Amino acid sequence: ALPIYMPLGPIAPGQWISLFGTGFGPTQPIAASITGPDPVPTSLGGVTVTFDGVAAPITYVTDGQINLVVPWEVRGKTSAVMNVTAGGNVIASRQFGVAASSPSLFVDTRLPPFFPAVALNSDGTKNSQSNQAAAGSWITIILNGVSSYAGGAPPVTGSVNGPNPTPTSAVVVVQGFETGPLTPWPGMLSGLYQVQVHLPATPGGPYDVLLKVTVDGVLAGPFEFYSPTVYQSSGMVWVN
């Protein structure tokens, strides 16, 4: 049987998710500007999405897709009802389970079973097969759905992270590698996090390195589902 790589699961506070369907909104895509310090809009192209009545920040909308961030207000709940409204009418409704955390590594899902990670080399450029990281350097990977924050309260829903965010208390383990602290991604809508990973110093590349991530003991996606078994997959980065 073919595996499923992006299953429907519980949502988490501050998690970025995508909705797919038809008739959501305009045929021409509309993207929100994420510049800060103003919050990201909760209505785009006449489309709004609420979770138990709380409007979600929307970053992208078109006829077949909506990208949004689950409001932090769902924290502490076990379920939440999502309503999608377009042109003043509710066009879709669904109840989701809510998890305290549902971490995943940002990856390119087009090349299974190992997925290229969305990662930045030490010079800030995007890691790729044609732009490898230097052996022994630190790269930055991006995590979603972690639902961690510094202090006693989560960020304001829709807020943009400042330039020097405080590290969270979450413990991130990248199997076999030294890692730095988990911090909100500067200049990005709250809910995305970054962590640095120390690559092996072995020369003689280019070669690929596979990253498996755990956050506070919870395995992070991507996952592969060969019913009824679930396997943790890896994010892949290139080293030279």
Protein backbone atom coordinates (compact mmCIF):
# COMPACT_ATOMS: atom_id res chain seq x y z
CA ALA A 1 0.00 0.00 0.00
CA LEU A 2 1.17 3.54 -0.69
CA PRO A 3 2.00 5.57 2.43
CA ILE A 4 0.16 8.72 3.48
CA TYR A 5 2.56 11.53 4.35
CA MET A 6 0.29 14.38 5.46
CA PRO A 7 -2.52 12.86 7.55
CA LEU A 8 -5.31 14.78 9.20
CA GLY A 9 -4.68 14.93 12.93
CA PRO A 10 -5.24 17.05 16.02
CA ILE A 11 -4.50 20.74 15.84
CA ALA A 12 -2.31 22.57 18.34
CA PRO A 13 -2.35 26.18 19.56
CA GLY A 14 -0.34 28.41 17.23
CA GLN A 15 0.02 25.68 14.59
CA TRP A 16 0.22 26.64 10.92
CA ILE A 17 -2.17 24.51 8.84
CA SER A 18 -3.47 24.42 5.26
CA LEU A 19 -7.06 23.70 4.22
CA PHE A 20 -7.67 22.20 0.78
CA GLY A 21 -10.95 22.11 -1.13
CA THR A 22 -12.93 24.07 -3.71
CA GLY A 23 -14.95 27.26 -3.63
CA PHE A 24 -13.02 28.79 -0.74
CA GLY A 25 -12.35 32.18 -2.23
CA PRO A 26 -10.96 34.17 -5.16
CA THR A 27 -9.48 32.40 -8.17
CA GLN A 28 -6.44 34.68 -7.99
CA PRO A 29 -4.36 33.95 -4.87
CA ILE A 30 -4.13 36.61 -2.16
CA ALA A 31 -1.28 36.59 0.36
CA ALA A 32 -1.10 38.57 3.59
CA SER A 33 1.83 40.82 4.32
CA ILE A 34 3.82 39.70 7.36
CA THR A 35 5.87 42.72 8.29
CA GLY A 36 5.00 43.45 11.92
CA PRO A 37 4.39 44.89 14.34
CA ASP A 38 0.72 44.93 13.29
CA PRO A 39 -1.13 41.61 13.61
CA VAL A 40 -1.75 39.52 10.51
CA PRO A 41 -5.34 39.92 9.19
CA THR A 42 -8.07 37.48 10.12
CA SER A 43 -10.01 38.11 6.90
CA LEU A 44 -8.53 37.82 3.43
CA GLY A 45 -10.38 37.94 0.12
CA GLY A 46 -13.72 37.83 1.93
CA VAL A 47 -12.72 34.62 3.74
CA THR A 48 -12.58 34.11 7.51
CA VAL A 49 -11.89 30.98 9.55
CA THR A 50 -12.85 30.65 13.20
CA PHE A 51 -12.11 28.07 15.89
CA ASP A 52 -14.80 28.06 18.57
CA GLY A 53 -15.62 31.58 17.41
CA VAL A 54 -12.06 32.95 17.54
CA ALA A 55 -10.85 34.23 14.17
CA ALA A 56 -7.62 32.71 12.86
CA PRO A 57 -4.86 34.76 11.19
CA ILE A 58 -4.90 33.97 7.44
CA THR A 59 -1.70 34.18 5.40
CA TYR A 60 -2.93 32.92 2.01
CA VAL A 61 -6.24 32.24 0.31
CA THR A 62 -7.37 31.06 -3.08
CA ASP A 63 -10.27 29.01 -4.46
CA GLY A 64 -8.69 25.72 -3.44
CA GLN A 65 -6.47 26.49 -0.44
CA ILE A 66 -6.34 28.49 2.78
CA ASN A 67 -3.20 28.84 4.89
CA LEU A 68 -3.82 29.93 8.48
CA VAL A 69 -2.62 29.78 12.06
CA VAL A 70 -4.70 28.07 14.73
CA PRO A 71 -5.56 30.66 17.42
CA TRP A 72 -3.66 30.34 20.68
CA GLU A 73 -7.05 30.53 22.43
CA VAL A 74 -7.68 26.81 21.77
CA ARG A 75 -5.02 25.88 24.36
CA GLY A 76 -6.33 23.78 27.20
CA LYS A 77 -9.23 22.43 25.11
CA THR A 78 -9.70 18.86 23.91
CA SER A 79 -11.61 19.83 20.75
CA ALA A 80 -12.59 22.88 18.71
CA VAL A 81 -15.08 23.53 15.91
CA MET A 82 -13.71 25.24 12.81
CA ASN A 83 -16.00 27.27 10.54
CA VAL A 84 -14.93 28.62 7.15
CA THR A 85 -16.92 31.66 6.01
CA ALA A 86 -16.82 33.15 2.51
CA GLY A 87 -18.98 36.04 1.36
CA GLY A 88 -20.78 36.05 4.69
CA ASN A 89 -21.83 32.38 4.47
CA VAL A 90 -20.44 29.38 6.34
CA ILE A 91 -19.22 27.06 3.57
CA ALA A 92 -17.39 24.42 5.64
CA SER A 93 -17.39 23.22 9.23
CA ARG A 94 -15.33 20.59 11.02
CA GLN A 95 -14.54 19.54 14.56
CA PHE A 96 -10.88 18.95 15.39
CA GLY A 97 -9.22 17.33 18.34
CA VAL A 98 -6.80 19.66 20.10
CA ALA A 99 -3.37 18.53 21.29
CA ALA A 100 -1.12 20.40 23.69
CA SER A 101 1.62 20.07 21.07
CA SER A 102 1.84 18.53 17.61
CA PRO A 103 5.39 19.28 16.42
CA SER A 104 6.58 18.87 12.85
CA LEU A 105 9.65 19.80 10.87
CA PHE A 106 9.06 22.12 7.92
CA VAL A 107 9.92 20.02 4.86
CA ASP A 108 9.33 19.74 1.13
CA THR A 109 6.85 16.87 0.81
CA ARG A 110 7.43 16.24 -2.89
CA LEU A 111 10.36 13.82 -2.49
CA PRO A 112 9.39 10.99 -0.11
CA PRO A 113 10.38 8.93 1.83
CA PHE A 114 13.05 11.43 2.99
CA PHE A 115 11.97 15.03 2.74
CA PRO A 116 14.27 18.00 2.14
CA ALA A 117 14.09 20.14 5.27
CA VAL A 118 13.40 23.85 5.07
CA ALA A 119 16.78 24.82 6.50
CA LEU A 120 19.09 27.82 6.45
CA ASN A 121 22.84 27.49 6.12
CA SER A 122 25.11 29.50 8.44
CA ASP A 123 25.22 32.33 5.88
CA GLY A 124 21.41 32.60 5.89
CA THR A 125 20.87 31.03 2.46
CA LYS A 126 18.48 28.13 1.92
CA ASN A 127 20.05 24.70 2.12
CA SER A 128 19.62 22.59 -1.00
CA GLN A 129 21.38 19.95 -3.06
CA SER A 130 23.03 22.74 -5.06
CA ASN A 131 23.72 24.93 -1.99
CA GLN A 132 25.13 22.63 0.66
CA ALA A 133 26.06 23.59 4.21
CA ALA A 134 29.72 23.48 5.16
CA ALA A 135 30.80 20.40 7.12
CA GLY A 136 30.99 21.23 10.83
CA SER A 137 28.78 24.32 10.52
CA TRP A 138 25.47 25.10 12.21
CA ILE A 139 22.23 25.14 10.23
CA THR A 140 18.81 26.44 11.28
CA ILE A 141 15.71 24.26 10.94
CA ILE A 142 12.08 25.39 11.31
CA LEU A 143 9.49 23.70 13.53
CA ASN A 144 5.70 24.03 13.53
CA GLY A 145 3.01 23.01 16.02
CA VAL A 146 5.32 23.11 19.04
CA SER A 147 3.00 25.31 21.15
CA SER A 148 5.82 26.48 23.38
CA TYR A 149 6.53 29.99 24.58
CA ALA A 150 8.58 31.91 27.10
CA GLY A 151 6.90 33.29 30.20
CA GLY A 152 3.48 32.48 31.55
CA ALA A 153 1.27 33.37 28.58
CA PRO A 154 1.27 32.60 24.85
CA PRO A 155 1.79 35.28 22.21
CA VAL A 156 -1.13 37.35 20.98
CA THR A 157 -2.87 35.48 18.17
CA GLY A 158 -1.69 36.93 14.87
CA SER A 159 1.29 38.75 16.35
CA VAL A 160 4.71 38.87 14.70
CA ASN A 161 7.80 37.74 16.60
CA GLY A 162 10.30 40.43 17.52
CA PRO A 163 13.92 40.50 16.35
CA ASN A 164 15.43 38.99 19.52
CA PRO A 165 12.94 36.44 20.85
CA THR A 166 13.49 34.73 24.22
CA PRO A 167 14.26 30.99 24.04
CA THR A 168 11.48 28.68 25.17
CA SER A 169 11.79 25.95 27.78
CA ALA A 170 11.05 23.19 25.24
CA VAL A 171 13.75 20.53 24.90
CA VAL A 172 14.52 19.75 21.26
CA VAL A 173 16.53 16.64 20.40
CA VAL A 174 17.78 16.01 16.87
CA GLN A 175 18.87 12.40 16.85
CA GLY A 176 22.66 12.17 16.80
CA PHE A 177 23.36 15.92 16.67
CA GLU A 178 24.11 18.80 19.01
CA THR A 179 21.30 21.36 19.05
CA GLY A 180 20.77 24.89 20.31
CA PRO A 181 17.73 26.32 22.14
CA LEU A 182 14.28 26.58 20.57
CA THR A 183 13.27 30.17 19.86
CA PRO A 184 10.41 31.82 17.95
CA TRP A 185 11.38 32.58 14.35
CA PRO A 186 12.23 36.33 14.30
CA GLY A 187 10.04 38.46 12.05
CA MET A 188 7.57 35.63 11.44
CA LEU A 189 4.00 35.17 12.60
CA SER A 190 3.90 33.56 16.04
CA GLY A 191 3.70 29.77 15.95
CA LEU A 192 6.87 29.04 13.98
CA TYR A 193 10.11 28.24 15.78
CA GLN A 194 13.74 27.79 14.89
CA VAL A 195 16.52 25.66 16.32
CA GLN A 196 20.15 25.33 15.28
CA VAL A 197 21.75 21.97 14.54
CA HIS A 198 25.49 21.27 14.50
CA LEU A 199 26.39 19.29 11.40
CA PRO A 200 29.08 16.62 11.35
CA ALA A 201 32.59 17.80 10.51
CA THR A 202 33.20 14.94 8.08
CA PRO A 203 34.59 16.37 4.81
CA GLY A 204 34.29 14.85 1.35
CA GLY A 205 30.77 15.85 0.32
CA PRO A 206 28.38 16.56 -0.98
CA TYR A 207 26.36 14.10 1.05
CA ASP A 208 22.97 14.17 2.72
CA VAL A 209 22.21 14.12 6.44
CA LEU A 210 18.90 12.88 7.84
CA LEU A 211 17.33 14.70 10.81
CA LYS A 212 14.80 13.13 13.18
CA VAL A 213 13.41 15.58 15.72
CA THR A 214 11.80 15.14 19.15
CA VAL A 215 10.27 18.02 21.14
CA ASP A 216 9.71 17.49 24.87
CA GLY A 217 9.67 13.75 24.22
CA VAL A 218 7.10 13.99 21.40
CA LEU A 219 8.21 12.73 18.00
CA ALA A 220 7.99 15.44 15.35
CA GLY A 221 6.74 14.88 11.82
CA PRO A 222 7.01 14.20 8.97
CA PHE A 223 5.42 10.79 9.44
CA GLU A 224 4.66 7.95 7.06
CA PHE A 225 1.43 6.00 7.57
CA TYR A 226 1.42 2.41 6.36
CA SER A 227 -1.90 1.44 7.91
CA PRO A 228 -2.02 0.50 10.71
CA THR A 229 1.64 1.36 11.44
CA VAL A 230 3.07 4.86 11.78
CA TYR A 231 6.75 5.59 11.13
CA GLN A 232 8.68 8.76 11.82
CA SER A 233 10.37 9.97 8.67
CA SER A 234 13.31 12.40 8.37
CA GLY A 235 14.16 15.85 7.15
CA MET A 236 17.14 15.88 4.82
CA VAL A 237 19.88 18.51 4.46
CA TRP A 238 22.97 18.55 2.25
CA VAL A 239 26.53 18.98 3.49
CA ASN A 240 29.83 19.56 1.71
